[in-house]
Amino acid sequence: MSQKEGLDFEELGQSVPVPFEEHGESDGEDQRLRSAADLDAVYDIPVQMSAVLGKASMQVSQLLKLGRGAVVELDRKVGEAIDIYVNNRLVARGEVVVVDDRLGVTMTEIIKSDRG
């Protein structure tokens, strides 16, 4: 894999080069291509996904004054993209949608970041 943070969503349906050595020795083929089907072992690993509508900062004294019906102003405007995190890592931006009386998120942009 390249020095990317995790897999690109686009790569999941394609072959991904993965280093492979049999018995710790090189047999002339230092790398073999493995398909997404070879990733079956990781498909069942649970991850936490969060969609952040916005953020606000306030003092504890202000927080304690909040009551039912209080409005907390966030740092985002109406219609602005929300941040989508997987395991506390920003992976995408998207929009809020309604699906059968439930809120959902549609991804509009995948965030690619290099490992440092």
Protein backbone atom coordinates (compact mmCIF):
# COMPACT_ATOMS: atom_id res chain seq x y z
CA MET A 1 0.00 0.00 0.00
CA SER A 2 1.12 3.56 -0.50
CA GLN A 3 1.73 5.90 2.39
CA LYS A 4 -1.93 6.82 2.72
CA GLU A 5 -3.99 6.78 5.84
CA GLY A 6 -5.93 3.55 5.46
CA LEU A 7 -7.52 2.46 2.20
CA ASP A 8 -9.13 4.77 -0.30
CA PHE A 9 -12.80 3.96 -0.69
CA GLU A 10 -12.17 3.82 -4.45
CA GLU A 11 -9.59 1.05 -4.00
CA LEU A 12 -11.97 -1.40 -2.32
CA GLY A 13 -13.35 -2.65 -5.61
CA GLN A 14 -9.97 -2.92 -7.31
CA SER A 15 -6.80 -4.93 -6.80
CA VAL A 16 -4.55 -3.43 -4.14
CA PRO A 17 -0.80 -4.17 -4.17
CA VAL A 18 0.22 -5.75 -0.86
CA PRO A 19 3.77 -6.89 -0.02
CA PHE A 20 3.90 -10.69 0.43
CA GLU A 21 6.81 -12.96 1.22
CA GLU A 22 6.57 -16.71 1.78
CA HIS A 23 8.41 -18.03 4.84
CA GLY A 24 10.24 -14.72 5.23
CA GLU A 25 12.14 -15.23 1.96
CA SER A 26 11.69 -13.60 -1.40
CA ASP A 27 10.82 -16.09 -4.10
CA GLY A 28 11.37 -13.68 -6.96
CA GLU A 29 7.94 -12.16 -6.57
CA ASP A 30 8.28 -9.55 -3.83
CA GLN A 31 4.73 -8.36 -4.34
CA ARG A 32 1.54 -10.05 -5.47
CA LEU A 33 -1.75 -8.37 -6.18
CA ARG A 34 -4.55 -9.24 -3.82
CA SER A 35 -8.14 -8.39 -4.52
CA ALA A 36 -10.64 -6.83 -2.14
CA ALA A 37 -11.86 -10.36 -1.39
CA ASP A 38 -8.58 -10.96 0.45
CA LEU A 39 -9.63 -8.31 2.97
CA ASP A 40 -12.42 -10.51 4.37
CA ALA A 41 -10.59 -10.74 7.71
CA VAL A 42 -11.02 -7.01 8.35
CA TYR A 43 -14.61 -6.61 7.17
CA ASP A 44 -16.05 -7.61 10.56
CA ILE A 45 -13.91 -5.23 12.63
CA PRO A 46 -16.22 -2.65 14.24
CA VAL A 47 -15.48 1.04 13.72
CA GLN A 48 -17.10 4.12 15.22
CA MET A 49 -18.51 6.65 12.75
CA SER A 50 -19.42 10.19 13.78
CA ALA A 51 -20.98 13.02 11.81
CA VAL A 52 -20.14 16.42 13.31
CA LEU A 53 -22.63 19.16 12.50
CA GLY A 54 -20.47 21.84 14.09
CA LYS A 55 -18.67 22.89 17.25
CA ALA A 56 -19.08 25.50 19.95
CA SER A 57 -16.88 26.70 22.80
CA MET A 58 -18.18 28.05 26.08
CA GLN A 59 -17.23 28.42 29.69
CA VAL A 60 -18.49 25.96 32.29
CA SER A 61 -20.58 28.72 33.85
CA GLN A 62 -22.37 29.25 30.51
CA LEU A 63 -22.87 25.50 30.11
CA LEU A 64 -24.48 25.25 33.56
CA LYS A 65 -26.97 27.98 32.61
CA LEU A 66 -28.29 26.02 29.64
CA GLY A 67 -31.74 24.57 30.05
CA ARG A 68 -34.47 22.95 28.02
CA GLY A 69 -35.02 24.89 24.79
CA ALA A 70 -31.64 26.63 24.94
CA VAL A 71 -29.97 27.19 21.59
CA VAL A 72 -26.23 26.70 21.17
CA GLU A 73 -24.85 28.40 18.08
CA LEU A 74 -22.45 26.21 16.11
CA ASP A 75 -19.54 27.29 13.93
CA ARG A 76 -21.20 26.13 10.68
CA LYS A 77 -23.69 27.78 8.39
CA VAL A 78 -26.87 26.16 7.04
CA GLY A 79 -26.02 24.05 4.00
CA GLU A 80 -22.31 23.87 4.84
CA ALA A 81 -20.74 20.40 4.66
CA ILE A 82 -20.46 18.38 7.86
CA ASP A 83 -17.36 16.43 8.91
CA ILE A 84 -17.48 12.62 8.93
CA TYR A 85 -15.06 10.83 11.24
CA VAL A 86 -14.22 7.13 11.44
CA ASN A 87 -12.46 6.17 14.68
CA ASN A 88 -11.83 9.87 15.40
CA ARG A 89 -10.12 10.39 12.04
CA LEU A 90 -11.60 12.79 9.48
CA VAL A 91 -12.34 10.72 6.36
CA ALA A 92 -15.05 12.62 4.49
CA ARG A 93 -17.40 15.57 4.29
CA GLY A 94 -21.07 15.27 3.56
CA GLU A 95 -24.62 16.46 3.91
CA VAL A 96 -27.43 15.53 6.27
CA VAL A 97 -30.33 13.66 4.64
CA VAL A 98 -33.61 12.21 5.92
CA VAL A 99 -34.23 8.50 5.27
CA ASP A 100 -37.54 7.04 6.48
CA ASP A 101 -37.94 9.56 9.34
CA ARG A 102 -34.32 9.06 10.43
CA LEU A 103 -31.31 11.28 9.91
CA GLY A 104 -28.52 10.04 7.67
CA VAL A 105 -25.40 11.34 6.00
CA THR A 106 -24.44 11.29 2.35
CA MET A 107 -20.72 11.59 1.60
CA THR A 108 -19.91 14.32 -0.90
CA GLU A 109 -16.12 14.40 -0.55
CA ILE A 110 -13.56 11.81 0.55
CA ILE A 111 -10.64 13.33 2.47
CA LYS A 112 -7.25 11.94 1.47
CA SER A 113 -4.42 12.59 3.88
CA ASP A 114 -0.82 11.40 3.88
CA ARG A 115 0.68 9.74 6.93
CA GLY A 116 3.28 11.87 8.58
